[in-house]
Amino acid sequence: MNEISEAIVELEEEKVLKLVKEKVDSGEDPIKILEALRMGMSEIGKGSGDTIFLTDLIMAGEIFNEAMEILLPKLASGSTKNLGKVVIGTVEGDIHNIGKDITINFLKAEGFDVIDLGVDVPPQKFIDAIKEHNPPVVGMSGLLTLSIEPMKKAVEAIVAANLRDKVKVIIGGERTDEEVRKYVGADAWVNDAIDGIKIIKNWVGGA
């Protein structure tokens, strides 16, 4: 599996897709393949702004999504549970989607119905999605320190719309911690997708 992670870090698109297909065809556990992909993406994320450029992040994200097209049918077939809906989006002012997309794929693999609001999501869009889909959980993602204030505004808007008692709010990103969680008014924070899935599953009784 290390080969997959290393190939993503090296942005070797054909090699990643070839390895993923080989692993899938040989009956390898799709969750393990997904974890290898996640590890590669995580490694690239750690180098962001230092040795890794934005174009590399975008390329890595495209490779990841192509690999997921091969993997998702296997992940979906392995999960017969429907654990409910999760609304998720990268908050207003932030266009990073890699962490969000990794989390979404893990959620789908576990049996969640995910409503992806995309990036640069204003507070009203979160409110509209809660009203339309009635999810038990809302996830807000943001990679930048500048994303913290928009997270707070989105939670405040949910409170003002009298929807806060209907949903649990989880925030995620490199800059989040317990202090940020309290400031924003969220129920939990994570900077690792796996930890986020565990928390969400615990909330909905699917652990």
Protein backbone atom coordinates (compact mmCIF):
# COMPACT_ATOMS: atom_id res chain seq x y z
CA MET A 1 0.00 0.00 0.00
CA ASN A 2 2.97 2.32 0.55
CA GLU A 3 3.44 2.31 -3.23
CA ILE A 4 0.08 4.04 -3.65
CA SER A 5 0.88 6.70 -1.05
CA GLU A 6 4.31 7.35 -2.56
CA ALA A 7 2.92 7.52 -6.11
CA ILE A 8 0.42 10.19 -5.03
CA VAL A 9 3.17 12.22 -3.37
CA GLU A 10 5.17 12.00 -6.60
CA LEU A 11 2.04 12.95 -8.61
CA GLU A 12 2.37 9.81 -10.74
CA GLU A 13 -1.20 9.69 -12.02
CA GLU A 14 -0.96 6.58 -14.22
CA LYS A 15 0.90 4.63 -11.55
CA VAL A 16 -1.67 5.50 -8.85
CA LEU A 17 -4.62 4.45 -11.01
CA LYS A 18 -2.85 1.26 -12.12
CA LEU A 19 -2.01 0.29 -8.52
CA VAL A 20 -5.52 1.03 -7.25
CA LYS A 21 -7.09 -1.02 -10.04
CA GLU A 22 -4.70 -3.91 -9.38
CA LYS A 23 -5.50 -3.86 -5.65
CA VAL A 24 -9.25 -3.72 -6.29
CA ASP A 25 -9.10 -6.55 -8.85
CA SER A 26 -7.09 -8.72 -6.44
CA GLY A 27 -9.78 -8.37 -3.78
CA GLU A 28 -7.84 -6.08 -1.43
CA ASP A 29 -9.88 -4.42 1.32
CA PRO A 30 -11.09 -1.13 -0.25
CA ILE A 31 -10.84 0.66 3.11
CA LYS A 32 -7.10 -0.15 3.20
CA ILE A 33 -6.71 1.22 -0.32
CA LEU A 34 -8.60 4.36 0.69
CA GLU A 35 -6.34 4.74 3.72
CA ALA A 36 -3.26 4.50 1.47
CA LEU A 37 -4.69 7.23 -0.73
CA ARG A 38 -5.47 9.34 2.34
CA MET A 39 -1.93 8.95 3.66
CA GLY A 40 -0.50 10.16 0.36
CA MET A 41 -2.81 13.16 0.33
CA SER A 42 -1.98 13.90 3.96
CA GLU A 43 1.74 13.87 3.15
CA ILE A 44 1.20 16.34 0.33
CA GLY A 45 -0.90 18.53 2.63
CA LYS A 46 1.92 18.70 5.17
CA GLY A 47 4.21 20.17 2.56
CA SER A 48 1.71 22.75 1.37
CA GLY A 49 3.25 26.20 1.15
CA ASP A 50 6.76 24.86 1.71
CA THR A 51 7.89 22.31 -0.85
CA ILE A 52 4.45 21.74 -2.40
CA PHE A 53 2.81 24.30 -4.68
CA LEU A 54 -0.88 24.98 -5.24
CA THR A 55 -0.73 23.40 -8.69
CA ASP A 56 0.62 20.21 -7.05
CA LEU A 57 -2.26 20.19 -4.57
CA ILE A 58 -4.77 20.58 -7.37
CA MET A 59 -3.12 17.81 -9.40
CA ALA A 60 -3.02 15.52 -6.37
CA GLY A 61 -6.70 16.21 -5.75
CA GLU A 62 -7.55 15.27 -9.33
CA ILE A 63 -5.55 12.03 -9.06
CA PHE A 64 -7.30 11.24 -5.78
CA ASN A 65 -10.74 11.78 -7.31
CA GLU A 66 -9.89 9.59 -10.31
CA ALA A 67 -8.71 6.84 -7.96
CA MET A 68 -11.95 7.19 -6.00
CA GLU A 69 -13.98 6.59 -9.16
CA ILE A 70 -12.38 3.15 -9.30
CA LEU A 71 -12.73 2.56 -5.57
CA LEU A 72 -16.17 3.95 -4.69
CA PRO A 73 -18.24 1.11 -6.21
CA LYS A 74 -16.36 -1.35 -3.99
CA LEU A 75 -16.73 0.88 -0.95
CA ALA A 76 -20.44 1.31 -1.57
CA SER A 77 -21.01 -2.42 -2.07
CA GLY A 78 -19.25 -3.12 1.20
CA SER A 79 -21.59 -0.90 3.21
CA THR A 80 -25.23 -1.88 3.46
CA LYS A 81 -25.94 0.55 6.30
CA ASN A 82 -27.53 3.94 5.80
CA LEU A 83 -26.37 6.01 8.74
CA GLY A 84 -28.17 9.18 7.69
CA LYS A 85 -27.27 12.51 6.12
CA VAL A 86 -24.31 14.79 6.66
CA VAL A 87 -24.11 18.28 5.17
CA ILE A 88 -20.54 19.43 4.61
CA GLY A 89 -18.80 22.39 2.99
CA THR A 90 -15.67 24.53 3.02
CA VAL A 91 -16.60 27.84 4.61
CA GLU A 92 -16.84 31.22 2.91
CA GLY A 93 -13.52 32.69 1.79
CA ASP A 94 -11.73 29.33 1.56
CA ILE A 95 -11.51 27.28 -1.63
CA HIS A 96 -9.53 24.30 -0.30
CA ASN A 97 -11.37 21.05 -0.90
CA ILE A 98 -8.89 18.20 -0.47
CA GLY A 99 -9.53 17.58 3.23
CA LYS A 100 -13.26 17.95 2.69
CA ASP A 101 -13.29 15.52 -0.23
CA ILE A 102 -11.27 12.91 1.67
CA THR A 103 -13.73 13.16 4.55
CA ILE A 104 -16.67 12.83 2.18
CA ASN A 105 -15.26 9.64 0.69
CA PHE A 106 -14.74 8.15 4.15
CA LEU A 107 -18.31 9.12 5.11
CA LYS A 108 -19.72 7.49 1.98
CA ALA A 109 -17.66 4.37 2.66
CA GLU A 110 -19.24 4.15 6.12
CA GLY A 111 -22.76 4.44 4.74
CA PHE A 112 -23.59 8.13 5.09
CA ASP A 113 -25.58 10.13 2.54
CA VAL A 114 -23.38 13.20 2.04
CA ILE A 115 -24.63 16.56 0.79
CA ASP A 116 -21.52 18.37 -0.46
CA LEU A 117 -22.00 22.14 -0.59
CA GLY A 118 -18.61 22.66 -2.22
CA VAL A 119 -16.18 25.46 -1.32
CA ASP A 120 -16.55 29.15 -0.38
CA VAL A 121 -19.90 28.34 1.24
CA PRO A 122 -21.76 31.33 2.76
CA PRO A 123 -23.78 30.88 6.00
CA GLN A 124 -27.13 31.02 4.20
CA LYS A 125 -26.21 28.03 2.08
CA PHE A 126 -25.63 25.94 5.23
CA ILE A 127 -29.02 27.11 6.56
CA ASP A 128 -30.80 26.25 3.31
CA ALA A 129 -29.22 22.78 3.27
CA ILE A 130 -30.25 22.08 6.88
CA LYS A 131 -33.83 23.09 6.10
CA GLU A 132 -33.92 21.00 2.92
CA HIS A 133 -32.14 17.84 4.08
CA ASN A 134 -32.69 17.82 7.86
CA PRO A 135 -29.26 16.30 8.62
CA PRO A 136 -28.20 15.41 12.18
CA VAL A 137 -24.66 16.62 11.45
CA VAL A 138 -23.13 19.64 9.68
CA GLY A 139 -19.44 19.68 8.86
CA MET A 140 -17.50 22.87 8.19
CA SER A 141 -14.03 22.68 6.68
CA GLY A 142 -11.35 25.33 6.42
CA LEU A 143 -7.60 25.15 5.89
CA LEU A 144 -6.75 28.78 6.61
CA THR A 145 -6.62 30.74 9.85
CA LEU A 146 -8.87 33.20 8.01
CA SER A 147 -11.52 30.44 7.87
CA ILE A 148 -12.15 30.58 11.62
CA GLU A 149 -14.25 33.76 11.53
CA PRO A 150 -16.50 32.49 8.69
CA MET A 151 -17.03 29.27 10.69
CA LYS A 152 -18.18 31.37 13.65
CA LYS A 153 -20.50 33.42 11.44
CA ALA A 154 -21.99 30.25 9.91
CA VAL A 155 -22.71 28.77 13.36
CA GLU A 156 -24.19 32.07 14.54
CA ALA A 157 -26.43 32.13 11.47
CA ILE A 158 -27.63 28.60 12.24
CA VAL A 159 -28.42 29.72 15.79
CA ALA A 160 -30.29 32.80 14.50
CA ALA A 161 -32.34 30.58 12.18
CA ASN A 162 -33.41 28.49 15.22
CA LEU A 163 -31.78 25.39 13.74
CA ARG A 164 -28.85 24.92 16.12
CA ASP A 165 -30.64 22.45 18.39
CA LYS A 166 -31.38 20.25 15.37
CA VAL A 167 -27.77 19.63 14.33
CA LYS A 168 -24.36 18.79 15.70
CA VAL A 169 -21.61 20.94 14.17
CA ILE A 170 -18.12 19.60 13.58
CA ILE A 171 -15.31 21.77 12.25
CA GLY A 172 -12.13 20.53 10.60
CA GLY A 173 -8.83 21.81 9.28
CA GLU A 174 -5.18 22.36 10.11
CA ARG A 175 -5.88 25.48 12.18
CA THR A 176 -8.67 24.05 14.34
CA ASP A 177 -8.24 23.14 17.99
CA GLU A 178 -10.28 23.15 21.21
CA GLU A 179 -9.93 26.90 21.63
CA VAL A 180 -11.18 27.48 18.08
CA ARG A 181 -14.07 25.06 18.68
CA LYS A 182 -15.21 27.06 21.70
CA TYR A 183 -14.83 30.38 19.86
CA VAL A 184 -16.76 29.14 16.83
CA GLY A 185 -19.48 27.45 18.88
CA ALA A 186 -19.09 23.99 17.35
CA ASP A 187 -19.64 20.65 19.09
CA ALA A 188 -16.35 19.08 18.01
CA TRP A 189 -13.16 19.74 16.05
CA VAL A 190 -10.78 17.48 14.12
CA ASN A 191 -7.79 17.79 11.83
CA ASP A 192 -7.91 14.14 10.80
CA ALA A 193 -10.68 12.62 8.68
CA ILE A 194 -10.65 9.27 10.51
CA ASP A 195 -11.21 10.96 13.88
CA GLY A 196 -14.04 12.96 12.35
CA ILE A 197 -15.80 9.84 11.11
CA LYS A 198 -15.58 8.26 14.57
CA ILE A 199 -17.14 11.31 16.20
CA ILE A 200 -19.94 11.53 13.65
CA LYS A 201 -20.71 7.82 13.90
CA ASN A 202 -20.89 8.16 17.68
CA TRP A 203 -23.32 11.06 17.34
CA VAL A 204 -25.70 9.15 15.07
CA GLY A 205 -25.41 5.85 16.94
CA GLY A 206 -23.54 4.08 14.17
CA ALA A 207 -20.34 3.40 16.08
